[in-house]
Amino acid sequence: MKQTSPQTKSFIIFFAVAAIGTYLCLMLWVNLKSNTFSNTRQTGSYQAISYPDQVKADNTPVVTPPVDTSSWQTYTNAKYGLSFKYKPGWKVSAAANKKGFTIIGVDPGKKYYNFEIYISPTAFFAMDNLPTKTETIGGQEAINVNDSLYGIKANNLYYTFDIGSSEILKADFNGLVHSLSFTK
């Protein structure tokens, strides 16, 4: 009986591992795809949220409920001419320059991703070609993408408010955005 060479054995083992790995990746992909419309899933220590459809079965729009912000703290930044309320226990980071934008982060806690406020003298952050509706916030016309991304031009600056991946906090994020006031 003829013996199998070490190279052939290595090839067979490599092929078997590749086939099993491909199968497991496909099963994981199918599982993730079937969970696309679930509200939440845990990823490490963060809670990732999928974006739900914004129309109910009867074709009425989904409305983000208002929240009471009367007991919230106030953040004011005189340099960038804005003020907003945020929940007690949240942390607001100092403005930092990155990728051509000044960014202020709002940290709602370690279970969630930060909200980001992008400030620029020239353009909104990541809002090109998105479906928007308009409303008035802080006395200024605002563009709204799905109650998750807002663009407001005030004080000769472009402010973009981004909820990021913390969609479960949409009501609180909207409370923050709708508490905005602009100064200068």
C-alpha atoms as a PDB file:
ATOM      1  CA  MET A   1       0.000   0.000   0.000  1.00  0.00           C
ATOM      2  CA  LYS A   2       1.297   3.426  -1.009  1.00  0.00           C
ATOM      3  CA  GLN A   3       1.935   6.030   1.721  1.00  0.00           C
ATOM      4  CA  THR A   4       0.591   9.579   1.447  1.00  0.00           C
ATOM      5  CA  SER A   5       3.253  12.290   1.256  1.00  0.00           C
ATOM      6  CA  PRO A   6       3.442  14.961   3.974  1.00  0.00           C
ATOM      7  CA  GLN A   7       2.569  17.611   1.360  1.00  0.00           C
ATOM      8  CA  THR A   8      -0.630  15.763   0.410  1.00  0.00           C
ATOM      9  CA  LYS A   9      -1.596  15.340   4.065  1.00  0.00           C
ATOM     10  CA  SER A  10      -1.016  19.083   4.622  1.00  0.00           C
ATOM     11  CA  PHE A  11      -3.134  19.926   1.583  1.00  0.00           C
ATOM     12  CA  ILE A  12      -5.983  17.693   2.777  1.00  0.00           C
ATOM     13  CA  ILE A  13      -5.887  19.241   6.263  1.00  0.00           C
ATOM     14  CA  PHE A  14      -5.728  22.771   4.817  1.00  0.00           C
ATOM     15  CA  PHE A  15      -8.649  22.039   2.476  1.00  0.00           C
ATOM     16  CA  ALA A  16     -10.740  20.579   5.317  1.00  0.00           C
ATOM     17  CA  VAL A  17     -10.059  23.583   7.580  1.00  0.00           C
ATOM     18  CA  ALA A  18     -10.903  25.990   4.718  1.00  0.00           C
ATOM     19  CA  ALA A  19     -14.153  24.143   3.966  1.00  0.00           C
ATOM     20  CA  ILE A  20     -15.210  24.113   7.623  1.00  0.00           C
ATOM     21  CA  GLY A  21     -14.279  27.796   8.004  1.00  0.00           C
ATOM     22  CA  THR A  22     -16.282  28.717   4.900  1.00  0.00           C
ATOM     23  CA  TYR A  23     -19.277  26.789   6.199  1.00  0.00           C
ATOM     24  CA  LEU A  24     -19.098  28.491   9.606  1.00  0.00           C
ATOM     25  CA  CYS A  25     -18.742  31.958   8.000  1.00  0.00           C
ATOM     26  CA  LEU A  26     -21.764  31.315   5.791  1.00  0.00           C
ATOM     27  CA  MET A  27     -23.812  30.164   8.792  1.00  0.00           C
ATOM     28  CA  LEU A  28     -22.790  33.273  10.739  1.00  0.00           C
ATOM     29  CA  TRP A  29     -23.671  35.502   7.767  1.00  0.00           C
ATOM     30  CA  VAL A  30     -27.098  33.869   7.400  1.00  0.00           C
ATOM     31  CA  ASN A  31     -27.700  34.242  11.149  1.00  0.00           C
ATOM     32  CA  LEU A  32     -26.701  37.933  11.123  1.00  0.00           C
ATOM     33  CA  LYS A  33     -28.761  38.584   7.996  1.00  0.00           C
ATOM     34  CA  SER A  34     -31.853  37.048   9.600  1.00  0.00           C
ATOM     35  CA  ASN A  35     -31.367  39.324  12.649  1.00  0.00           C
ATOM     36  CA  THR A  36     -31.047  42.529  10.609  1.00  0.00           C
ATOM     37  CA  PHE A  37     -34.412  43.856  11.705  1.00  0.00           C
ATOM     38  CA  SER A  38     -34.122  42.971  15.372  1.00  0.00           C
ATOM     39  CA  ASN A  39     -33.965  45.954  17.671  1.00  0.00           C
ATOM     40  CA  THR A  40     -30.698  45.188  19.451  1.00  0.00           C
ATOM     41  CA  ARG A  41     -27.832  42.741  19.676  1.00  0.00           C
ATOM     42  CA  GLN A  42     -24.767  42.781  21.881  1.00  0.00           C
ATOM     43  CA  THR A  43     -21.348  43.271  20.323  1.00  0.00           C
ATOM     44  CA  GLY A  44     -18.698  43.108  22.993  1.00  0.00           C
ATOM     45  CA  SER A  45     -19.478  45.697  25.633  1.00  0.00           C
ATOM     46  CA  TYR A  46     -21.479  47.893  23.234  1.00  0.00           C
ATOM     47  CA  GLN A  47     -25.090  47.626  22.210  1.00  0.00           C
ATOM     48  CA  ALA A  48     -25.407  47.809  18.417  1.00  0.00           C
ATOM     49  CA  ILE A  49     -28.784  48.790  17.072  1.00  0.00           C
ATOM     50  CA  SER A  50     -30.154  48.096  13.630  1.00  0.00           C
ATOM     51  CA  TYR A  51     -32.130  50.831  11.928  1.00  0.00           C
ATOM     52  CA  PRO A  52     -35.831  49.934  11.954  1.00  0.00           C
ATOM     53  CA  ASP A  53     -38.222  50.774   9.152  1.00  0.00           C
ATOM     54  CA  GLN A  54     -39.583  54.270   9.645  1.00  0.00           C
ATOM     55  CA  VAL A  55     -43.133  53.487   8.502  1.00  0.00           C
ATOM     56  CA  LYS A  56     -45.622  51.340  10.396  1.00  0.00           C
ATOM     57  CA  ALA A  57     -47.544  48.564   8.679  1.00  0.00           C
ATOM     58  CA  ASP A  58     -50.460  50.969   8.074  1.00  0.00           C
ATOM     59  CA  ASN A  59     -48.060  53.416   6.304  1.00  0.00           C
ATOM     60  CA  THR A  60     -48.143  55.973   9.118  1.00  0.00           C
ATOM     61  CA  PRO A  61     -44.732  57.412  10.006  1.00  0.00           C
ATOM     62  CA  VAL A  62     -42.900  56.313  13.123  1.00  0.00           C
ATOM     63  CA  VAL A  63     -42.599  59.302  15.449  1.00  0.00           C
ATOM     64  CA  THR A  64     -39.857  59.574  18.052  1.00  0.00           C
ATOM     65  CA  PRO A  65     -41.580  60.391  21.366  1.00  0.00           C
ATOM     66  CA  PRO A  66     -40.523  63.588  23.148  1.00  0.00           C
ATOM     67  CA  VAL A  67     -38.625  63.349  26.440  1.00  0.00           C
ATOM     68  CA  ASP A  68     -38.665  65.642  29.450  1.00  0.00           C
ATOM     69  CA  THR A  69     -35.316  67.466  29.553  1.00  0.00           C
ATOM     70  CA  SER A  70     -36.145  69.768  32.479  1.00  0.00           C
ATOM     71  CA  SER A  71     -33.829  67.911  34.889  1.00  0.00           C
ATOM     72  CA  TRP A  72     -30.965  67.589  32.403  1.00  0.00           C
ATOM     73  CA  GLN A  73     -27.641  69.411  32.669  1.00  0.00           C
ATOM     74  CA  THR A  74     -26.684  72.172  30.214  1.00  0.00           C
ATOM     75  CA  TYR A  75     -23.557  72.218  28.067  1.00  0.00           C
ATOM     76  CA  THR A  76     -22.468  75.558  26.645  1.00  0.00           C
ATOM     77  CA  ASN A  77     -19.627  76.243  24.250  1.00  0.00           C
ATOM     78  CA  ALA A  78     -19.136  79.995  23.734  1.00  0.00           C
ATOM     79  CA  LYS A  79     -16.442  79.510  21.076  1.00  0.00           C
ATOM     80  CA  TYR A  80     -18.811  77.565  18.800  1.00  0.00           C
ATOM     81  CA  GLY A  81     -21.952  79.409  19.901  1.00  0.00           C
ATOM     82  CA  LEU A  82     -24.110  76.519  21.004  1.00  0.00           C
ATOM     83  CA  SER A  83     -25.800  75.218  24.095  1.00  0.00           C
ATOM     84  CA  PHE A  84     -27.772  72.004  24.671  1.00  0.00           C
ATOM     85  CA  LYS A  85     -29.100  69.813  27.439  1.00  0.00           C
ATOM     86  CA  TYR A  86     -27.859  66.294  28.191  1.00  0.00           C
ATOM     87  CA  LYS A  87     -28.857  63.612  30.676  1.00  0.00           C
ATOM     88  CA  PRO A  88     -27.215  63.473  34.100  1.00  0.00           C
ATOM     89  CA  GLY A  89     -24.496  60.820  34.036  1.00  0.00           C
ATOM     90  CA  TRP A  90     -23.596  61.476  30.409  1.00  0.00           C
ATOM     91  CA  LYS A  91     -20.233  63.044  29.658  1.00  0.00           C
ATOM     92  CA  VAL A  92     -19.479  65.728  27.087  1.00  0.00           C
ATOM     93  CA  SER A  93     -15.922  65.760  25.752  1.00  0.00           C
ATOM     94  CA  ALA A  94     -13.907  68.851  24.939  1.00  0.00           C
ATOM     95  CA  ALA A  95     -13.948  69.928  21.306  1.00  0.00           C
ATOM     96  CA  ALA A  96     -11.214  68.258  19.249  1.00  0.00           C
ATOM     97  CA  ASN A  97     -10.149  68.779  15.649  1.00  0.00           C
ATOM     98  CA  LYS A  98     -10.200  65.729  13.425  1.00  0.00           C
ATOM     99  CA  LYS A  99     -10.514  65.197   9.667  1.00  0.00           C
ATOM    100  CA  GLY A 100     -11.316  68.852   8.990  1.00  0.00           C
ATOM    101  CA  PHE A 101     -14.097  69.023  11.600  1.00  0.00           C
ATOM    102  CA  THR A 102     -14.298  70.115  15.193  1.00  0.00           C
ATOM    103  CA  ILE A 103     -15.913  67.217  17.053  1.00  0.00           C
ATOM    104  CA  ILE A 104     -17.680  67.263  20.405  1.00  0.00           C
ATOM    105  CA  GLY A 105     -18.547  63.814  21.750  1.00  0.00           C
ATOM    106  CA  VAL A 106     -21.432  63.011  24.060  1.00  0.00           C
ATOM    107  CA  ASP A 107     -20.900  59.745  25.944  1.00  0.00           C
ATOM    108  CA  PRO A 108     -24.179  58.187  27.155  1.00  0.00           C
ATOM    109  CA  GLY A 109     -22.332  55.428  29.040  1.00  0.00           C
ATOM    110  CA  LYS A 110     -20.191  52.402  28.318  1.00  0.00           C
ATOM    111  CA  LYS A 111     -23.085  50.302  26.955  1.00  0.00           C
ATOM    112  CA  TYR A 112     -23.578  52.701  24.034  1.00  0.00           C
ATOM    113  CA  TYR A 113     -21.652  54.393  21.282  1.00  0.00           C
ATOM    114  CA  ASN A 114     -21.053  58.136  21.611  1.00  0.00           C
ATOM    115  CA  PHE A 115     -23.138  60.767  19.874  1.00  0.00           C
ATOM    116  CA  GLU A 116     -20.972  63.100  17.807  1.00  0.00           C
ATOM    117  CA  ILE A 117     -21.397  66.786  17.034  1.00  0.00           C
ATOM    118  CA  TYR A 118     -19.388  67.841  13.979  1.00  0.00           C
ATOM    119  CA  ILE A 119     -18.732  71.542  13.438  1.00  0.00           C
ATOM    120  CA  SER A 120     -17.341  73.008  10.222  1.00  0.00           C
ATOM    121  CA  PRO A 121     -17.233  76.404   8.517  1.00  0.00           C
ATOM    122  CA  THR A 122     -17.786  74.769   5.105  1.00  0.00           C
ATOM    123  CA  ALA A 123     -20.088  71.714   5.140  1.00  0.00           C
ATOM    124  CA  PHE A 124     -22.187  69.215   7.050  1.00  0.00           C
ATOM    125  CA  PHE A 125     -20.638  65.861   7.961  1.00  0.00           C
ATOM    126  CA  ALA A 126     -21.847  62.806   5.964  1.00  0.00           C
ATOM    127  CA  MET A 127     -25.233  64.198   4.897  1.00  0.00           C
ATOM    128  CA  ASP A 128     -24.867  64.233   1.107  1.00  0.00           C
ATOM    129  CA  ASN A 129     -27.633  62.523  -0.878  1.00  0.00           C
ATOM    130  CA  LEU A 130     -29.620  61.358   2.150  1.00  0.00           C
ATOM    131  CA  PRO A 131     -33.411  61.655   2.336  1.00  0.00           C
ATOM    132  CA  THR A 132     -34.196  64.581   4.615  1.00  0.00           C
ATOM    133  CA  LYS A 133     -37.085  66.536   6.019  1.00  0.00           C
ATOM    134  CA  THR A 134     -36.830  70.072   7.376  1.00  0.00           C
ATOM    135  CA  GLU A 135     -37.854  71.491  10.726  1.00  0.00           C
ATOM    136  CA  THR A 136     -36.907  74.364  13.021  1.00  0.00           C
ATOM    137  CA  ILE A 137     -34.516  73.723  15.911  1.00  0.00           C
ATOM    138  CA  GLY A 138     -33.090  76.437  18.131  1.00  0.00           C
ATOM    139  CA  GLY A 139     -34.639  79.069  15.874  1.00  0.00           C
ATOM    140  CA  GLN A 140     -32.756  77.735  12.839  1.00  0.00           C
ATOM    141  CA  GLU A 141     -33.831  75.648   9.869  1.00  0.00           C
ATOM    142  CA  ALA A 142     -32.599  72.086  10.353  1.00  0.00           C
ATOM    143  CA  ILE A 143     -32.406  69.099   8.056  1.00  0.00           C
ATOM    144  CA  ASN A 144     -33.360  65.816   9.667  1.00  0.00           C
ATOM    145  CA  VAL A 145     -32.429  62.323   8.508  1.00  0.00           C
ATOM    146  CA  ASN A 146     -34.608  59.743  10.251  1.00  0.00           C
ATOM    147  CA  ASP A 147     -34.389  61.531  13.642  1.00  0.00           C
ATOM    148  CA  SER A 148     -30.818  60.162  13.811  1.00  0.00           C
ATOM    149  CA  LEU A 149     -28.763  62.760  11.943  1.00  0.00           C
ATOM    150  CA  TYR A 150     -29.390  66.501  11.959  1.00  0.00           C
ATOM    151  CA  GLY A 151     -27.750  69.350  10.091  1.00  0.00           C
ATOM    152  CA  ILE A 152     -28.168  72.949  11.207  1.00  0.00           C
ATOM    153  CA  LYS A 153     -26.429  76.011   9.804  1.00  0.00           C
ATOM    154  CA  ALA A 154     -26.081  78.817  12.352  1.00  0.00           C
ATOM    155  CA  ASN A 155     -23.421  81.402  13.241  1.00  0.00           C
ATOM    156  CA  ASN A 156     -21.811  80.845   9.816  1.00  0.00           C
ATOM    157  CA  LEU A 157     -21.032  77.277  10.908  1.00  0.00           C
ATOM    158  CA  TYR A 158     -22.420  73.896   9.893  1.00  0.00           C
ATOM    159  CA  TYR A 159     -23.398  71.697  12.851  1.00  0.00           C
ATOM    160  CA  THR A 160     -24.051  67.983  12.310  1.00  0.00           C
ATOM    161  CA  PHE A 161     -25.545  65.950  15.169  1.00  0.00           C
ATOM    162  CA  ASP A 162     -25.033  62.198  14.692  1.00  0.00           C
ATOM    163  CA  ILE A 163     -26.568  59.495  16.885  1.00  0.00           C
ATOM    164  CA  GLY A 164     -24.118  56.916  15.514  1.00  0.00           C
ATOM    165  CA  SER A 165     -25.091  53.346  16.394  1.00  0.00           C
ATOM    166  CA  SER A 166     -27.061  54.110  19.548  1.00  0.00           C
ATOM    167  CA  GLU A 167     -30.508  54.091  17.917  1.00  0.00           C
ATOM    168  CA  ILE A 168     -32.097  52.742  21.102  1.00  0.00           C
ATOM    169  CA  LEU A 169     -31.392  56.185  22.603  1.00  0.00           C
ATOM    170  CA  LYS A 170     -33.168  58.017  19.782  1.00  0.00           C
ATOM    171  CA  ALA A 171     -35.685  59.739  22.089  1.00  0.00           C
ATOM    172  CA  ASP A 172     -32.892  61.003  24.371  1.00  0.00           C
ATOM    173  CA  PHE A 173     -30.767  62.057  21.374  1.00  0.00           C
ATOM    174  CA  ASN A 174     -33.719  64.014  20.010  1.00  0.00           C
ATOM    175  CA  GLY A 175     -34.214  65.620  23.424  1.00  0.00           C
ATOM    176  CA  LEU A 176     -30.604  66.802  23.260  1.00  0.00           C
ATOM    177  CA  VAL A 177     -30.937  68.103  19.678  1.00  0.00           C
ATOM    178  CA  HIS A 178     -34.267  69.829  20.279  1.00  0.00           C
ATOM    179  CA  SER A 179     -32.898  71.587  23.391  1.00  0.00           C
ATOM    180  CA  LEU A 180     -30.332  73.414  21.242  1.00  0.00           C
ATOM    181  CA  SER A 181     -29.873  77.129  21.363  1.00  0.00           C
ATOM    182  CA  PHE A 182     -27.381  79.173  19.382  1.00  0.00           C
ATOM    183  CA  THR A 183     -25.586  82.283  20.560  1.00  0.00           C
ATOM    184  CA  LYS A 184     -23.101  84.847  19.170  1.00  0.00           C
END
